[in-house]
Amino acid sequence: MKFITFQTQDGKQAAGWIQGNDLAVDMHAVSKGEMPGSILEFLSGHEHYTPYIHELSPFREGDAGVYRLSEVRLLAPLPRPVSIRDFYAFEEHVKTARQKRGLDVIPEWYQFPVFYFTNHLAIRGPDEVIDMPPGCLCLDYELEIACVIGKEGRDIQASEADDYIFGYCIMNDWSARDIQREEMKVGLGPAKGKDFATSLGPFLVSKEELDSQKINDRYDLKMTAAVNGKVISKGNLKDVYYSFAEMIERASAGVTLFPGEVIGSGTVGTGCILELGEEVHRYLEPRDEIELTIERLGALKNKIAAKSG
């Protein structure tokens, strides 16, 4: 199923799912209050609520709480995640990005997956405008996929990690490269170069929807990024060095994970301008439109804000 958060024409925010290809279903309304009003609340009790969804009859346009998809505005499926851990899991990206700075991949990268925390309160959804951070001259996108935790767990073994994943969505880890470059000299990792925006969407796809694409503990999902309609990034999730199961094992070591936490994959190979190089494409500018597409997960489009004044 494709789970969504959306805004109706009268400004009401609702959560639910897509029925067929053209209807948005408000789970709280159609269940007469039996189901929650947000995806975060749903995740916390999804093992209870999911069977109830299947008991409900298919809905028709005009039913209370049912809208044409074209008449609602999709928001980020999780407008306020509990947290976002973003990993660094694609070897091609790590190698190429470090080579651009005259560096080799350090041996520790091959010993365990690493991540950083980004700002879970700066979430952007489909078609939202992205403001360039103050002083940024090198704005970049990052083509990523994220999994969303659906069950509480601690010290989760990789062999059991799939049980804790609810679903997947596209993630764009926007990066101010010039700001990031300077602050990382201090040695604490990215902060202001990253915390201004992270895009998620357009929907959250339950993991069962991807079973046909699964290869052992990875997925065969094509990934692309286009700037102003021109595709410049191409990759595949199956090429990830560390699986999501391994990421979850690392993230949960000595720490409890809760429903609604987001685990980002890191950038797929060729999935950002930093890696491609400015000889392939300049950094992003006001009014540029960036569209990330992942097979079975849809397309996530955002536009860079015009210059003020």
C-alpha atoms as a PDB file:
ATOM      1  CA  MET A   1       0.000   0.000   0.000  1.00  0.00           C
ATOM      2  CA  LYS A   2       0.972   3.604  -0.531  1.00  0.00           C
ATOM      3  CA  PHE A   3       0.458   5.653   2.631  1.00  0.00           C
ATOM      4  CA  ILE A   4       0.145   9.420   2.376  1.00  0.00           C
ATOM      5  CA  THR A   5      -0.288  12.636   4.292  1.00  0.00           C
ATOM      6  CA  PHE A   6      -2.274  15.203   2.338  1.00  0.00           C
ATOM      7  CA  GLN A   7      -4.069  18.520   2.470  1.00  0.00           C
ATOM      8  CA  THR A   8      -7.590  18.950   1.141  1.00  0.00           C
ATOM      9  CA  GLN A   9      -8.814  21.982  -0.768  1.00  0.00           C
ATOM     10  CA  ASP A  10     -10.315  23.451   2.410  1.00  0.00           C
ATOM     11  CA  GLY A  11      -6.923  23.275   4.147  1.00  0.00           C
ATOM     12  CA  LYS A  12      -7.544  20.194   6.283  1.00  0.00           C
ATOM     13  CA  GLN A  13      -4.561  17.883   6.814  1.00  0.00           C
ATOM     14  CA  ALA A  14      -5.277  14.168   6.730  1.00  0.00           C
ATOM     15  CA  ALA A  15      -3.465  10.851   6.564  1.00  0.00           C
ATOM     16  CA  GLY A  16      -4.378   7.641   4.805  1.00  0.00           C
ATOM     17  CA  TRP A  17      -3.596   5.750   1.644  1.00  0.00           C
ATOM     18  CA  ILE A  18      -3.982   5.776  -2.119  1.00  0.00           C
ATOM     19  CA  GLN A  19      -6.731   3.524  -3.497  1.00  0.00           C
ATOM     20  CA  GLY A  20      -6.191   2.477  -7.086  1.00  0.00           C
ATOM     21  CA  ASN A  21      -4.331   5.228  -8.863  1.00  0.00           C
ATOM     22  CA  ASP A  22      -6.676   8.129  -8.348  1.00  0.00           C
ATOM     23  CA  LEU A  23      -8.248   8.234  -4.883  1.00  0.00           C
ATOM     24  CA  ALA A  24      -6.890   9.570  -1.583  1.00  0.00           C
ATOM     25  CA  VAL A  25      -8.503   7.953   1.468  1.00  0.00           C
ATOM     26  CA  ASP A  26      -8.582   9.723   4.840  1.00  0.00           C
ATOM     27  CA  MET A  27      -8.136   6.811   7.283  1.00  0.00           C
ATOM     28  CA  HIS A  28      -9.576   8.677  10.272  1.00  0.00           C
ATOM     29  CA  ALA A  29     -12.713   9.761   8.404  1.00  0.00           C
ATOM     30  CA  VAL A  30     -13.563   6.509   6.641  1.00  0.00           C
ATOM     31  CA  SER A  31     -13.086   4.512   9.857  1.00  0.00           C
ATOM     32  CA  LYS A  32     -15.340   6.934  11.766  1.00  0.00           C
ATOM     33  CA  GLY A  33     -12.523   7.716  14.164  1.00  0.00           C
ATOM     34  CA  GLU A  34     -11.349   4.148  14.738  1.00  0.00           C
ATOM     35  CA  MET A  35      -8.056   4.856  12.960  1.00  0.00           C
ATOM     36  CA  PRO A  36      -5.654   7.707  13.804  1.00  0.00           C
ATOM     37  CA  GLY A  37      -5.254  11.005  12.038  1.00  0.00           C
ATOM     38  CA  SER A  38      -1.539  10.843  11.315  1.00  0.00           C
ATOM     39  CA  ILE A  39       0.891   8.389   9.762  1.00  0.00           C
ATOM     40  CA  LEU A  40       3.105   8.603  12.848  1.00  0.00           C
ATOM     41  CA  GLU A  41       0.236   7.466  15.084  1.00  0.00           C
ATOM     42  CA  PHE A  42      -0.635   4.776  12.558  1.00  0.00           C
ATOM     43  CA  LEU A  43       2.921   3.431  12.584  1.00  0.00           C
ATOM     44  CA  SER A  44       2.869   3.117  16.357  1.00  0.00           C
ATOM     45  CA  GLY A  45      -0.090   0.735  16.104  1.00  0.00           C
ATOM     46  CA  HIS A  46       0.037  -0.471  12.520  1.00  0.00           C
ATOM     47  CA  GLU A  47      -0.033  -4.165  13.460  1.00  0.00           C
ATOM     48  CA  HIS A  48      -3.460  -3.480  14.991  1.00  0.00           C
ATOM     49  CA  TYR A  49      -4.716  -1.102  12.290  1.00  0.00           C
ATOM     50  CA  THR A  50      -3.552  -2.862   9.114  1.00  0.00           C
ATOM     51  CA  PRO A  51      -5.985  -5.802   9.370  1.00  0.00           C
ATOM     52  CA  TYR A  52      -8.766  -3.256   9.936  1.00  0.00           C
ATOM     53  CA  ILE A  53      -7.888  -1.551   6.640  1.00  0.00           C
ATOM     54  CA  HIS A  54      -8.511  -4.793   4.788  1.00  0.00           C
ATOM     55  CA  GLU A  55     -11.902  -5.201   6.469  1.00  0.00           C
ATOM     56  CA  LEU A  56     -13.070  -1.871   5.088  1.00  0.00           C
ATOM     57  CA  SER A  57     -14.851  -2.047   1.742  1.00  0.00           C
ATOM     58  CA  PRO A  58     -13.275  -0.370  -1.299  1.00  0.00           C
ATOM     59  CA  PHE A  59     -14.328   3.249  -1.416  1.00  0.00           C
ATOM     60  CA  ARG A  60     -15.806   5.338  -4.188  1.00  0.00           C
ATOM     61  CA  GLU A  61     -15.371   8.971  -5.093  1.00  0.00           C
ATOM     62  CA  GLY A  62     -17.901  10.945  -3.123  1.00  0.00           C
ATOM     63  CA  ASP A  63     -17.764   8.786  -0.012  1.00  0.00           C
ATOM     64  CA  ALA A  64     -17.024  10.753   3.157  1.00  0.00           C
ATOM     65  CA  GLY A  65     -13.238  11.082   3.546  1.00  0.00           C
ATOM     66  CA  VAL A  66     -12.474  10.017  -0.038  1.00  0.00           C
ATOM     67  CA  TYR A  67     -10.986  12.511  -2.509  1.00  0.00           C
ATOM     68  CA  ARG A  68      -9.684  12.517  -6.019  1.00  0.00           C
ATOM     69  CA  LEU A  69      -5.894  12.377  -5.785  1.00  0.00           C
ATOM     70  CA  SER A  70      -5.653  15.200  -8.306  1.00  0.00           C
ATOM     71  CA  GLU A  71      -7.660  17.450  -5.976  1.00  0.00           C
ATOM     72  CA  VAL A  72      -5.486  17.112  -2.868  1.00  0.00           C
ATOM     73  CA  ARG A  73      -1.964  18.289  -2.136  1.00  0.00           C
ATOM     74  CA  LEU A  74       0.455  15.564  -1.098  1.00  0.00           C
ATOM     75  CA  LEU A  75       2.669  16.460   1.853  1.00  0.00           C
ATOM     76  CA  ALA A  76       5.667  14.561   3.173  1.00  0.00           C
ATOM     77  CA  PRO A  77       4.244  11.191   4.286  1.00  0.00           C
ATOM     78  CA  LEU A  78       5.923  11.713   7.677  1.00  0.00           C
ATOM     79  CA  PRO A  79       5.867  15.480   8.246  1.00  0.00           C
ATOM     80  CA  ARG A  80       7.560  15.090  11.660  1.00  0.00           C
ATOM     81  CA  PRO A  81       9.623  11.901  11.865  1.00  0.00           C
ATOM     82  CA  VAL A  82      10.839  10.854  15.295  1.00  0.00           C
ATOM     83  CA  SER A  83      14.430  11.114  14.003  1.00  0.00           C
ATOM     84  CA  ILE A  84      16.462  10.805  10.809  1.00  0.00           C
ATOM     85  CA  ARG A  85      19.698   8.826  10.702  1.00  0.00           C
ATOM     86  CA  ASP A  86      21.358   9.172   7.321  1.00  0.00           C
ATOM     87  CA  PHE A  87      23.916   6.517   6.440  1.00  0.00           C
ATOM     88  CA  TYR A  88      26.836   6.525   3.981  1.00  0.00           C
ATOM     89  CA  ALA A  89      26.207   3.120   2.451  1.00  0.00           C
ATOM     90  CA  PHE A  90      27.008   3.244  -1.296  1.00  0.00           C
ATOM     91  CA  GLU A  91      30.657   2.482  -2.007  1.00  0.00           C
ATOM     92  CA  GLU A  92      30.713   4.189  -5.420  1.00  0.00           C
ATOM     93  CA  HIS A  93      29.529   7.475  -3.909  1.00  0.00           C
ATOM     94  CA  VAL A  94      32.022   7.282  -1.047  1.00  0.00           C
ATOM     95  CA  LYS A  95      34.943   6.503  -3.359  1.00  0.00           C
ATOM     96  CA  THR A  96      34.156   9.168  -5.921  1.00  0.00           C
ATOM     97  CA  ALA A  97      33.236  11.918  -3.454  1.00  0.00           C
ATOM     98  CA  ARG A  98      36.456  11.363  -1.506  1.00  0.00           C
ATOM     99  CA  GLN A  99      38.557  11.233  -4.686  1.00  0.00           C
ATOM    100  CA  LYS A 100      37.205  14.673  -5.553  1.00  0.00           C
ATOM    101  CA  ARG A 101      38.867  15.887  -2.339  1.00  0.00           C
ATOM    102  CA  GLY A 102      42.093  13.945  -2.967  1.00  0.00           C
ATOM    103  CA  LEU A 103      41.253  11.339  -0.326  1.00  0.00           C
ATOM    104  CA  ASP A 104      41.076   7.542  -0.258  1.00  0.00           C
ATOM    105  CA  VAL A 105      38.319   5.572   1.428  1.00  0.00           C
ATOM    106  CA  ILE A 106      39.459   4.952   4.991  1.00  0.00           C
ATOM    107  CA  PRO A 107      39.601   1.270   6.099  1.00  0.00           C
ATOM    108  CA  GLU A 108      37.052   1.882   8.866  1.00  0.00           C
ATOM    109  CA  TRP A 109      34.345   2.517   6.273  1.00  0.00           C
ATOM    110  CA  TYR A 110      34.486  -1.179   5.367  1.00  0.00           C
ATOM    111  CA  GLN A 111      34.240  -2.273   9.004  1.00  0.00           C
ATOM    112  CA  PHE A 112      30.837  -0.842   9.935  1.00  0.00           C
ATOM    113  CA  PRO A 113      28.142   1.424   8.450  1.00  0.00           C
ATOM    114  CA  VAL A 114      28.281   5.023   9.652  1.00  0.00           C
ATOM    115  CA  PHE A 115      25.567   7.687   9.864  1.00  0.00           C
ATOM    116  CA  TYR A 116      24.838  11.186  11.057  1.00  0.00           C
ATOM    117  CA  PHE A 117      21.661  12.699  12.510  1.00  0.00           C
ATOM    118  CA  THR A 118      19.972  15.375  10.442  1.00  0.00           C
ATOM    119  CA  ASN A 119      17.188  17.824  11.288  1.00  0.00           C
ATOM    120  CA  HIS A 120      13.914  15.892  11.552  1.00  0.00           C
ATOM    121  CA  LEU A 121      12.007  19.165  11.983  1.00  0.00           C
ATOM    122  CA  ALA A 122      12.995  20.565   8.582  1.00  0.00           C
ATOM    123  CA  ILE A 123      11.036  18.130   6.414  1.00  0.00           C
ATOM    124  CA  ARG A 124       9.788  19.089   2.964  1.00  0.00           C
ATOM    125  CA  GLY A 125       7.263  17.217   0.860  1.00  0.00           C
ATOM    126  CA  PRO A 126       6.498  16.838  -2.846  1.00  0.00           C
ATOM    127  CA  ASP A 127       6.464  20.093  -4.837  1.00  0.00           C
ATOM    128  CA  GLU A 128       7.546  22.194  -1.860  1.00  0.00           C
ATOM    129  CA  VAL A 129       9.897  25.063  -2.586  1.00  0.00           C
ATOM    130  CA  ILE A 130      13.399  24.731  -1.120  1.00  0.00           C
ATOM    131  CA  ASP A 131      15.050  27.894   0.188  1.00  0.00           C
ATOM    132  CA  MET A 132      18.783  28.222  -0.320  1.00  0.00           C
ATOM    133  CA  PRO A 133      20.481  28.591   3.070  1.00  0.00           C
ATOM    134  CA  PRO A 134      22.062  31.989   3.795  1.00  0.00           C
ATOM    135  CA  GLY A 135      25.463  32.307   2.190  1.00  0.00           C
ATOM    136  CA  CYS A 136      25.163  29.094   0.154  1.00  0.00           C
ATOM    137  CA  LEU A 137      26.603  29.164  -3.381  1.00  0.00           C
ATOM    138  CA  CYS A 138      26.890  25.391  -3.908  1.00  0.00           C
ATOM    139  CA  LEU A 139      23.473  23.855  -3.316  1.00  0.00           C
ATOM    140  CA  ASP A 140      23.253  20.135  -4.116  1.00  0.00           C
ATOM    141  CA  TYR A 141      20.655  17.375  -4.112  1.00  0.00           C
ATOM    142  CA  GLU A 142      21.272  13.817  -2.902  1.00  0.00           C
ATOM    143  CA  LEU A 143      19.404  10.864  -4.414  1.00  0.00           C
ATOM    144  CA  GLU A 144      18.582   8.463  -1.580  1.00  0.00           C
ATOM    145  CA  ILE A 145      16.048   5.925  -0.377  1.00  0.00           C
ATOM    146  CA  ALA A 146      14.866   5.737   3.230  1.00  0.00           C
ATOM    147  CA  CYS A 147      13.227   3.038   5.291  1.00  0.00           C
ATOM    148  CA  VAL A 148      10.807   3.861   8.091  1.00  0.00           C
ATOM    149  CA  ILE A 149      10.839   1.910  11.335  1.00  0.00           C
ATOM    150  CA  GLY A 150       7.492   0.349  12.244  1.00  0.00           C
ATOM    151  CA  LYS A 151       8.250  -1.533  15.455  1.00  0.00           C
ATOM    152  CA  GLU A 152      10.152  -0.739  18.633  1.00  0.00           C
ATOM    153  CA  GLY A 153      13.404  -2.631  19.045  1.00  0.00           C
ATOM    154  CA  ARG A 154      16.858  -2.554  20.579  1.00  0.00           C
ATOM    155  CA  ASP A 155      20.054  -4.446  19.710  1.00  0.00           C
ATOM    156  CA  ILE A 156      18.361  -5.741  16.567  1.00  0.00           C
ATOM    157  CA  GLN A 157      20.313  -8.356  14.644  1.00  0.00           C
ATOM    158  CA  ALA A 158      20.592  -7.908  10.871  1.00  0.00           C
ATOM    159  CA  SER A 159      18.919 -11.297  10.372  1.00  0.00           C
ATOM    160  CA  GLU A 160      15.805  -9.977  12.161  1.00  0.00           C
ATOM    161  CA  ALA A 161      15.866  -6.349  11.012  1.00  0.00           C
ATOM    162  CA  ASP A 162      13.314  -6.711   8.214  1.00  0.00           C
ATOM    163  CA  ASP A 163      10.627  -7.312  10.845  1.00  0.00           C
ATOM    164  CA  TYR A 164      11.204  -3.776  12.104  1.00  0.00           C
ATOM    165  CA  ILE A 165      10.837  -2.039   8.737  1.00  0.00           C
ATOM    166  CA  PHE A 166       7.389  -0.732   7.835  1.00  0.00           C
ATOM    167  CA  GLY A 167       8.156   0.690   4.413  1.00  0.00           C
ATOM    168  CA  TYR A 168      10.248   2.850   2.124  1.00  0.00           C
ATOM    169  CA  CYS A 169      10.183   6.271   0.485  1.00  0.00           C
ATOM    170  CA  ILE A 170      12.379   8.573  -1.575  1.00  0.00           C
ATOM    171  CA  MET A 171      14.662  10.931   0.339  1.00  0.00           C
ATOM    172  CA  ASN A 172      16.531  14.034  -0.822  1.00  0.00           C
ATOM    173  CA  ASP A 173      19.258  15.036   1.633  1.00  0.00           C
ATOM    174  CA  TRP A 174      19.780  18.623   0.445  1.00  0.00           C
ATOM    175  CA  SER A 175      23.344  19.819   0.964  1.00  0.00           C
ATOM    176  CA  ALA A 176      25.020  23.229   1.049  1.00  0.00           C
ATOM    177  CA  ARG A 177      28.408  21.978  -0.128  1.00  0.00           C
ATOM    178  CA  ASP A 178      30.415  25.129   0.478  1.00  0.00           C
ATOM    179  CA  ILE A 179      29.121  25.456   4.046  1.00  0.00           C
ATOM    180  CA  GLN A 180      29.565  21.717   4.619  1.00  0.00           C
ATOM    181  CA  ARG A 181      33.126  21.820   3.290  1.00  0.00           C
ATOM    182  CA  GLU A 182      34.202  24.465   5.789  1.00  0.00           C
ATOM    183  CA  GLU A 183      32.484  23.091   8.876  1.00  0.00           C
ATOM    184  CA  MET A 184      33.712  19.525   8.311  1.00  0.00           C
ATOM    185  CA  LYS A 185      37.286  20.754   8.712  1.00  0.00           C
ATOM    186  CA  VAL A 186      36.486  20.907  12.417  1.00  0.00           C
ATOM    187  CA  GLY A 187      35.864  17.144  12.456  1.00  0.00           C
ATOM    188  CA  LEU A 188      32.323  16.927  13.828  1.00  0.00           C
ATOM    189  CA  GLY A 189      30.579  16.110  10.558  1.00  0.00           C
ATOM    190  CA  PRO A 190      27.914  18.035   8.620  1.00  0.00           C
ATOM    191  CA  ALA A 191      25.571  20.356  10.499  1.00  0.00           C
ATOM    192  CA  LYS A 192      24.568  23.730   9.021  1.00  0.00           C
ATOM    193  CA  GLY A 193      25.436  22.381   5.605  1.00  0.00           C
ATOM    194  CA  LYS A 194      22.609  19.886   5.966  1.00  0.00           C
ATOM    195  CA  ASP A 195      19.997  20.968   8.504  1.00  0.00           C
ATOM    196  CA  PHE A 196      17.911  23.357   6.386  1.00  0.00           C
ATOM    197  CA  ALA A 197      15.817  20.787   4.479  1.00  0.00           C
ATOM    198  CA  THR A 198      15.260  17.090   3.847  1.00  0.00           C
ATOM    199  CA  SER A 199      12.586  16.031   1.370  1.00  0.00           C
ATOM    200  CA  LEU A 200      10.549  12.835   1.816  1.00  0.00           C
ATOM    201  CA  GLY A 201       7.814  11.409  -0.399  1.00  0.00           C
ATOM    202  CA  PRO A 202       5.686  11.353  -2.357  1.00  0.00           C
ATOM    203  CA  PHE A 203       4.303   8.441  -0.344  1.00  0.00           C
ATOM    204  CA  LEU A 204       5.422   5.724   2.056  1.00  0.00           C
ATOM    205  CA  VAL A 205       5.286   2.317   0.373  1.00  0.00           C
ATOM    206  CA  SER A 206       4.759  -0.704   2.620  1.00  0.00           C
ATOM    207  CA  LYS A 207       7.621  -3.180   2.274  1.00  0.00           C
ATOM    208  CA  GLU A 208       5.330  -5.955   0.996  1.00  0.00           C
ATOM    209  CA  GLU A 209       4.790  -3.907  -2.166  1.00  0.00           C
ATOM    210  CA  LEU A 210       8.475  -4.371  -3.019  1.00  0.00           C
ATOM    211  CA  ASP A 211       8.719  -8.144  -2.524  1.00  0.00           C
ATOM    212  CA  SER A 212       8.931  -8.801  -6.268  1.00  0.00           C
ATOM    213  CA  GLN A 213      12.048  -6.592  -6.453  1.00  0.00           C
ATOM    214  CA  LYS A 214      13.860  -8.261  -3.570  1.00  0.00           C
ATOM    215  CA  ILE A 215      17.200 -10.001  -4.110  1.00  0.00           C
ATOM    216  CA  ASN A 216      18.275 -11.611  -0.821  1.00  0.00           C
ATOM    217  CA  ASP A 217      18.559  -8.641   1.573  1.00  0.00           C
ATOM    218  CA  ARG A 218      18.600  -5.969  -1.155  1.00  0.00           C
ATOM    219  CA  TYR A 219      16.187  -4.553  -3.734  1.00  0.00           C
ATOM    220  CA  ASP A 220      16.529  -4.121  -7.482  1.00  0.00           C
ATOM    221  CA  LEU A 221      15.159  -0.593  -7.771  1.00  0.00           C
ATOM    222  CA  LYS A 222      16.330   1.851 -10.424  1.00  0.00           C
ATOM    223  CA  MET A 223      17.083   5.360  -9.159  1.00  0.00           C
ATOM    224  CA  THR A 224      17.398   8.573 -11.196  1.00  0.00           C
ATOM    225  CA  ALA A 225      17.689  12.306 -10.615  1.00  0.00           C
ATOM    226  CA  ALA A 226      16.849  15.014 -13.124  1.00  0.00           C
ATOM    227  CA  VAL A 227      17.525  18.756 -13.028  1.00  0.00           C
ATOM    228  CA  ASN A 228      15.166  20.840 -15.169  1.00  0.00           C
ATOM    229  CA  GLY A 229      14.057  17.686 -16.965  1.00  0.00           C
ATOM    230  CA  LYS A 230      17.545  16.388 -17.785  1.00  0.00           C
ATOM    231  CA  VAL A 231      18.528  13.106 -16.113  1.00  0.00           C
ATOM    232  CA  ILE A 232      22.051  13.373 -14.711  1.00  0.00           C
ATOM    233  CA  SER A 233      22.083  10.675 -12.002  1.00  0.00           C
ATOM    234  CA  LYS A 234      21.421   6.958 -12.481  1.00  0.00           C
ATOM    235  CA  GLY A 235      21.849   4.157  -9.958  1.00  0.00           C
ATOM    236  CA  ASN A 236      20.249   1.110  -8.389  1.00  0.00           C
ATOM    237  CA  LEU A 237      19.540   0.211  -4.776  1.00  0.00           C
ATOM    238  CA  LYS A 238      20.854  -3.319  -5.319  1.00  0.00           C
ATOM    239  CA  ASP A 239      24.377  -1.845  -5.502  1.00  0.00           C
ATOM    240  CA  VAL A 240      24.322  -0.614  -1.897  1.00  0.00           C
ATOM    241  CA  TYR A 241      27.333  -1.915   0.065  1.00  0.00           C
ATOM    242  CA  TYR A 242      25.530  -2.089   3.412  1.00  0.00           C
ATOM    243  CA  SER A 243      21.954  -3.402   3.436  1.00  0.00           C
ATOM    244  CA  PHE A 244      19.215  -1.690   5.431  1.00  0.00           C
ATOM    245  CA  ALA A 245      19.349  -4.683   7.771  1.00  0.00           C
ATOM    246  CA  GLU A 246      22.996  -3.934   8.510  1.00  0.00           C
ATOM    247  CA  MET A 247      22.206  -0.247   8.982  1.00  0.00           C
ATOM    248  CA  ILE A 248      19.452  -1.077  11.459  1.00  0.00           C
ATOM    249  CA  GLU A 249      21.739  -3.430  13.365  1.00  0.00           C
ATOM    250  CA  ARG A 250      24.268  -0.610  13.708  1.00  0.00           C
ATOM    251  CA  ALA A 251      21.688   2.056  14.564  1.00  0.00           C
ATOM    252  CA  SER A 252      20.006  -0.059  17.257  1.00  0.00           C
ATOM    253  CA  ALA A 253      23.182  -1.210  19.011  1.00  0.00           C
ATOM    254  CA  GLY A 254      22.654  -0.151  22.618  1.00  0.00           C
ATOM    255  CA  VAL A 255      19.799   2.144  21.515  1.00  0.00           C
ATOM    256  CA  THR A 256      16.038   1.660  21.195  1.00  0.00           C
ATOM    257  CA  LEU A 257      14.512   2.439  17.804  1.00  0.00           C
ATOM    258  CA  PHE A 258      10.892   3.589  17.760  1.00  0.00           C
ATOM    259  CA  PRO A 259       8.146   3.612  15.103  1.00  0.00           C
ATOM    260  CA  GLY A 260       8.490   6.670  12.909  1.00  0.00           C
ATOM    261  CA  GLU A 261      12.280   6.835  12.879  1.00  0.00           C
ATOM    262  CA  VAL A 262      13.808   7.234   9.426  1.00  0.00           C
ATOM    263  CA  ILE A 263      16.933   5.465   8.179  1.00  0.00           C
ATOM    264  CA  GLY A 264      18.455   7.012   5.040  1.00  0.00           C
ATOM    265  CA  SER A 265      20.679   5.022   2.690  1.00  0.00           C
ATOM    266  CA  GLY A 266      23.063   7.792   1.815  1.00  0.00           C
ATOM    267  CA  THR A 267      23.635   8.874  -1.767  1.00  0.00           C
ATOM    268  CA  VAL A 268      23.558   6.307  -4.561  1.00  0.00           C
ATOM    269  CA  GLY A 269      26.538   6.306  -6.931  1.00  0.00           C
ATOM    270  CA  THR A 270      26.380   9.389  -9.258  1.00  0.00           C
ATOM    271  CA  GLY A 271      23.529  10.680  -7.076  1.00  0.00           C
ATOM    272  CA  CYS A 272      24.705  14.251  -6.471  1.00  0.00           C
ATOM    273  CA  ILE A 273      26.551  17.087  -8.208  1.00  0.00           C
ATOM    274  CA  LEU A 274      29.486  16.864  -5.788  1.00  0.00           C
ATOM    275  CA  GLU A 275      30.189  13.383  -7.091  1.00  0.00           C
ATOM    276  CA  LEU A 276      29.442  14.075 -10.761  1.00  0.00           C
ATOM    277  CA  GLY A 277      31.530  17.231 -10.849  1.00  0.00           C
ATOM    278  CA  GLU A 278      30.648  20.685 -12.095  1.00  0.00           C
ATOM    279  CA  GLU A 279      31.922  19.695 -15.532  1.00  0.00           C
ATOM    280  CA  VAL A 280      28.822  17.485 -15.736  1.00  0.00           C
ATOM    281  CA  HIS A 281      26.395  19.933 -14.112  1.00  0.00           C
ATOM    282  CA  ARG A 282      26.673  23.204 -12.216  1.00  0.00           C
ATOM    283  CA  TYR A 283      25.411  23.464  -8.649  1.00  0.00           C
ATOM    284  CA  LEU A 284      21.737  24.279  -8.227  1.00  0.00           C
ATOM    285  CA  GLU A 285      20.402  27.775  -8.772  1.00  0.00           C
ATOM    286  CA  PRO A 286      17.145  29.594  -7.981  1.00  0.00           C
ATOM    287  CA  ARG A 287      14.142  28.252  -9.940  1.00  0.00           C
ATOM    288  CA  ASP A 288      15.843  24.936 -10.774  1.00  0.00           C
ATOM    289  CA  GLU A 289      13.510  21.948 -10.558  1.00  0.00           C
ATOM    290  CA  ILE A 290      14.877  18.672  -9.205  1.00  0.00           C
ATOM    291  CA  GLU A 291      13.032  15.380  -9.624  1.00  0.00           C
ATOM    292  CA  LEU A 292      14.155  12.176  -7.910  1.00  0.00           C
ATOM    293  CA  THR A 293      12.593   8.955  -9.166  1.00  0.00           C
ATOM    294  CA  ILE A 294      12.874   5.476  -7.683  1.00  0.00           C
ATOM    295  CA  GLU A 295      11.197   2.472  -9.243  1.00  0.00           C
ATOM    296  CA  ARG A 296       7.991   1.520  -7.370  1.00  0.00           C
ATOM    297  CA  LEU A 297       8.382   4.514  -5.026  1.00  0.00           C
ATOM    298  CA  GLY A 298       7.273   7.271  -7.390  1.00  0.00           C
ATOM    299  CA  ALA A 299       8.832  10.660  -8.074  1.00  0.00           C
ATOM    300  CA  LEU A 300       9.754  13.412  -5.622  1.00  0.00           C
ATOM    301  CA  LYS A 301       9.927  16.860  -7.180  1.00  0.00           C
ATOM    302  CA  ASN A 302      11.041  20.149  -5.621  1.00  0.00           C
ATOM    303  CA  LYS A 303      11.910  23.597  -6.924  1.00  0.00           C
ATOM    304  CA  ILE A 304      14.581  25.949  -5.622  1.00  0.00           C
ATOM    305  CA  ALA A 305      13.132  29.254  -4.473  1.00  0.00           C
ATOM    306  CA  ALA A 306      13.565  32.336  -6.596  1.00  0.00           C
ATOM    307  CA  LYS A 307      15.909  34.985  -5.266  1.00  0.00           C
ATOM    308  CA  SER A 308      14.163  37.425  -2.942  1.00  0.00           C
ATOM    309  CA  GLY A 309      13.939  41.014  -4.024  1.00  0.00           C
END
